[in-house]
Amino acid sequence: MTLTIKFTRLDGYDDAVALPSYQTPGAAGADLRANFGADLRESGLTLPVMGRVLVPTGLAIEIPTGFEVQIRMRSGLALKQGLMLPNAPGTIDSDYRGHLGIIIMNGGDQPVTIAHGDRIAQMIVAPVVQAQFELVTALTQTDRGAGGYGSTGVSQ
């Protein structure tokens, strides 16, 4: 299935930074890149340990109705540098038209510099089902019932 996701480049950002792209034919996520304004293009942005920042992509997005975009951390950055998305996965709704920024947190033990054009996260396009909510007096019973965290046991 192919779906068209539209982008516009925002004023003040670098037109040479690539649009989101899939790196392999079987990739589920398209990589997003940091796109800094002129003031940070040379130096990038250094994120201190436990610091968090909204990294700009320089893009606004149009997602078709009935779909969302989920933002997830790139696994290599998470493993090697300790970078994470504090709200992972982040959701972008189909009616949002503002700047696509990526909230990144440094959970590693060293400061990390994000350079202009770096691949910083990935986006997954997913269908959305909206539910109808109903208040009832009783729920259908199951064998598990109200058993909470860890109630299904430990696998051997």
Protein backbone atom coordinates (compact mmCIF):
# COMPACT_ATOMS: atom_id res chain seq x y z
CA MET A 1 0.00 0.00 0.00
CA THR A 2 1.29 3.44 -0.88
CA LEU A 3 0.05 6.60 0.81
CA THR A 4 1.08 10.18 0.05
CA ILE A 5 2.26 12.30 2.97
CA LYS A 6 2.70 15.95 2.01
CA PHE A 7 5.33 18.30 3.47
CA THR A 8 6.13 21.96 3.17
CA ARG A 9 9.52 23.44 3.99
CA LEU A 10 9.24 26.23 6.57
CA ASP A 11 10.94 29.61 6.11
CA GLY A 12 14.44 29.93 7.54
CA TYR A 13 15.33 26.24 7.23
CA ASP A 14 17.75 24.54 4.85
CA ASP A 15 16.20 23.33 1.57
CA ALA A 16 19.15 20.93 1.08
CA VAL A 17 18.17 18.74 4.06
CA ALA A 18 16.48 15.61 2.73
CA LEU A 19 12.81 14.87 3.22
CA PRO A 20 11.96 11.82 5.37
CA SER A 21 13.09 8.67 3.60
CA TYR A 22 13.14 4.90 3.99
CA GLN A 23 16.70 3.55 4.11
CA THR A 24 15.87 0.01 2.91
CA PRO A 25 12.99 -1.53 0.90
CA GLY A 26 11.66 -3.33 4.00
CA ALA A 27 11.93 -0.39 6.42
CA ALA A 28 8.78 0.45 8.40
CA GLY A 29 10.11 3.82 9.56
CA ALA A 30 11.22 6.77 7.46
CA ASP A 31 14.16 8.70 8.91
CA LEU A 32 13.67 12.33 9.96
CA ARG A 33 16.59 14.77 9.95
CA ALA A 34 17.59 17.71 12.11
CA ASN A 35 17.24 20.97 10.21
CA PHE A 36 18.62 23.90 12.18
CA GLY A 37 18.28 27.57 11.45
CA ALA A 38 21.34 29.46 10.26
CA ASP A 39 22.51 30.09 13.85
CA LEU A 40 23.09 26.36 14.59
CA ARG A 41 23.97 24.91 11.18
CA GLU A 42 27.72 24.97 11.77
CA SER A 43 27.85 24.05 15.47
CA GLY A 44 24.85 21.81 15.84
CA LEU A 45 23.22 21.44 19.22
CA THR A 46 24.85 19.78 22.23
CA LEU A 47 22.44 18.02 24.55
CA PRO A 48 23.70 17.59 28.14
CA VAL A 49 23.13 14.41 30.14
CA MET A 50 19.42 14.24 31.07
CA GLY A 51 18.75 17.35 28.97
CA ARG A 52 15.90 17.48 26.50
CA VAL A 53 15.24 19.68 23.52
CA LEU A 54 12.81 20.13 20.65
CA VAL A 55 14.88 19.44 17.52
CA PRO A 56 13.48 21.13 14.41
CA THR A 57 12.95 19.32 11.12
CA GLY A 58 12.08 22.49 9.21
CA LEU A 59 8.95 20.78 7.92
CA ALA A 60 5.19 20.97 8.31
CA ILE A 61 3.23 17.83 7.49
CA GLU A 62 -0.16 16.90 6.01
CA ILE A 63 -1.36 13.42 6.96
CA PRO A 64 -4.47 12.00 5.28
CA THR A 65 -7.59 11.63 7.43
CA GLY A 66 -7.76 8.17 8.96
CA PHE A 67 -4.01 7.98 9.58
CA GLU A 68 -1.46 9.19 12.12
CA VAL A 69 2.32 9.45 12.16
CA GLN A 70 4.15 7.91 15.12
CA ILE A 71 7.59 9.26 16.00
CA ARG A 72 10.11 6.78 17.40
CA MET A 73 13.78 6.90 18.31
CA ARG A 74 16.32 5.37 15.96
CA SER A 75 17.61 2.25 17.72
CA GLY A 76 21.28 2.97 17.00
CA LEU A 77 21.08 6.39 18.66
CA ALA A 78 19.31 4.88 21.65
CA LEU A 79 21.89 2.11 22.10
CA LYS A 80 25.09 3.97 21.27
CA GLN A 81 24.35 7.44 22.66
CA GLY A 82 21.44 6.98 25.07
CA LEU A 83 19.12 9.28 23.12
CA MET A 84 15.41 8.73 23.64
CA LEU A 85 12.03 10.27 23.01
CA PRO A 86 10.41 11.03 26.38
CA ASN A 87 6.91 10.70 24.91
CA ALA A 88 7.61 7.71 22.66
CA PRO A 89 5.92 6.99 20.50
CA GLY A 90 4.89 10.54 19.78
CA THR A 91 1.67 10.93 17.79
CA ILE A 92 1.01 13.44 15.04
CA ASP A 93 -2.68 13.73 14.24
CA SER A 94 -4.03 14.15 10.71
CA ASP A 95 -5.38 17.63 11.46
CA TYR A 96 -2.04 19.07 12.70
CA ARG A 97 -0.32 21.46 10.28
CA GLY A 98 2.40 23.04 12.45
CA HIS A 99 6.16 22.59 12.64
CA LEU A 100 7.26 18.97 12.97
CA GLY A 101 9.69 19.03 15.90
CA ILE A 102 11.18 16.00 17.65
CA ILE A 103 11.50 15.99 21.46
CA ILE A 104 14.81 14.27 22.24
CA MET A 105 16.25 13.49 25.67
CA ASN A 106 19.82 12.43 26.46
CA GLY A 107 19.62 9.45 28.81
CA GLY A 108 23.26 8.58 28.26
CA ASP A 109 26.29 9.36 30.41
CA GLN A 110 27.94 11.90 28.05
CA PRO A 111 26.77 15.07 26.28
CA VAL A 112 25.65 14.38 22.69
CA THR A 113 25.95 16.77 19.76
CA ILE A 114 23.23 16.66 17.12
CA ALA A 115 24.55 17.99 13.83
CA HIS A 116 22.61 19.75 11.11
CA GLY A 117 21.20 17.08 8.77
CA ASP A 118 21.63 14.17 11.21
CA ARG A 119 19.01 11.44 11.12
CA ILE A 120 17.38 11.91 14.54
CA ALA A 121 14.21 9.81 14.64
CA GLN A 122 11.90 7.78 12.48
CA MET A 123 8.28 8.17 11.52
CA ILE A 124 5.79 5.34 11.14
CA VAL A 125 2.53 5.91 9.26
CA ALA A 126 -0.37 4.00 10.86
CA PRO A 127 -4.15 3.75 10.39
CA VAL A 128 -6.37 5.22 13.10
CA VAL A 129 -9.60 3.77 14.45
CA GLN A 130 -11.71 6.11 16.55
CA ALA A 131 -13.83 4.38 19.18
CA GLN A 132 -17.24 5.16 20.54
CA PHE A 133 -17.16 5.28 24.35
CA GLU A 134 -20.00 3.85 26.39
CA LEU A 135 -20.55 3.79 30.15
CA VAL A 136 -22.09 0.50 31.35
CA THR A 137 -22.96 -0.91 34.77
CA ALA A 138 -20.89 -4.12 34.38
CA LEU A 139 -18.14 -5.49 32.15
CA THR A 140 -17.91 -8.95 30.58
CA GLN A 141 -16.04 -11.36 32.89
CA THR A 142 -12.79 -13.12 31.86
CA ASP A 143 -10.53 -15.72 33.51
CA ARG A 144 -7.97 -13.00 34.28
CA GLY A 145 -10.53 -10.59 35.68
CA ALA A 146 -9.02 -7.59 37.47
CA GLY A 147 -5.55 -9.17 37.82
CA GLY A 148 -3.03 -6.39 37.26
CA TYR A 149 0.70 -6.04 36.66
CA GLY A 150 2.43 -9.42 36.65
CA SER A 151 -0.81 -11.30 37.31
CA THR A 152 -0.35 -13.64 34.36
CA GLY A 153 2.74 -15.17 35.98
CA VAL A 154 6.40 -15.51 35.07
CA SER A 155 7.35 -17.50 31.99
CA GLN A 156 9.90 -20.27 32.61
